[in-house]
Amino acid sequence: MNATLEEMAQALFKQWFVDDLSVDYEEKSLDQISDLYAFGGGRR
C-alpha cells in the first residue's frame, strides 16, 4: 500500500510541477529581487 501511495504522490508532483509549467515567469537575478524588496516594491 505504501508503494502505491508513493507512486501516486510522485505522479501528482510530476504533473503539477514538472509537466504543467504553463505560467510565464520573468527571470531575474538575486540582486534585482533583493533590491525590489529592500525598497518596498515587493510588499503590497
Protein backbone atom coordinates (compact mmCIF):
# COMPACT_ATOMS: atom_id res chain seq x y z
CA MET A 1 0.00 0.00 0.00
CA ASN A 2 2.83 2.45 0.80
CA ALA A 3 4.39 1.83 -2.60
CA THR A 4 1.09 2.68 -4.31
CA LEU A 5 0.71 5.90 -2.32
CA GLU A 6 4.30 6.86 -3.11
CA GLU A 7 3.72 6.26 -6.84
CA MET A 8 0.54 8.36 -6.74
CA ALA A 9 2.33 11.19 -4.91
CA GLN A 10 5.19 11.13 -7.42
CA ALA A 11 2.77 11.18 -10.34
CA LEU A 12 0.87 14.16 -8.90
CA PHE A 13 4.08 16.05 -8.16
CA LYS A 14 5.34 15.46 -11.70
CA GLN A 15 2.03 16.57 -13.20
CA TRP A 16 1.75 19.73 -11.08
CA PHE A 17 5.36 20.91 -11.02
CA VAL A 18 7.15 19.37 -14.00
CA ASP A 19 4.78 18.64 -16.87
CA ASP A 20 2.33 21.54 -16.49
CA LEU A 21 4.56 24.61 -16.30
CA SER A 22 2.33 26.91 -18.31
CA VAL A 23 2.97 30.02 -16.18
CA ASP A 24 5.42 32.52 -17.62
CA TYR A 25 7.96 33.77 -15.12
CA GLU A 26 10.35 36.62 -15.65
CA GLU A 27 13.89 35.58 -14.84
CA LYS A 28 15.70 37.99 -12.51
CA SER A 29 18.99 37.93 -10.70
CA LEU A 30 19.13 37.73 -6.91
CA ASP A 31 20.41 41.32 -6.84
CA GLN A 32 17.30 42.53 -8.71
CA ILE A 33 14.98 40.66 -6.36
CA SER A 34 16.72 41.89 -3.21
CA ASP A 35 16.65 45.49 -4.49
CA LEU A 36 12.93 45.17 -5.17
CA TYR A 37 12.22 44.07 -1.59
CA ALA A 38 14.74 46.45 0.01
CA PHE A 39 12.97 49.44 -1.50
CA GLY A 40 9.46 48.23 -0.70
CA GLY A 41 8.46 47.26 -4.23
CA GLY A 42 7.70 43.68 -3.26
CA ARG A 43 5.23 44.48 -0.49
CA ARG A 44 1.58 45.04 -1.20
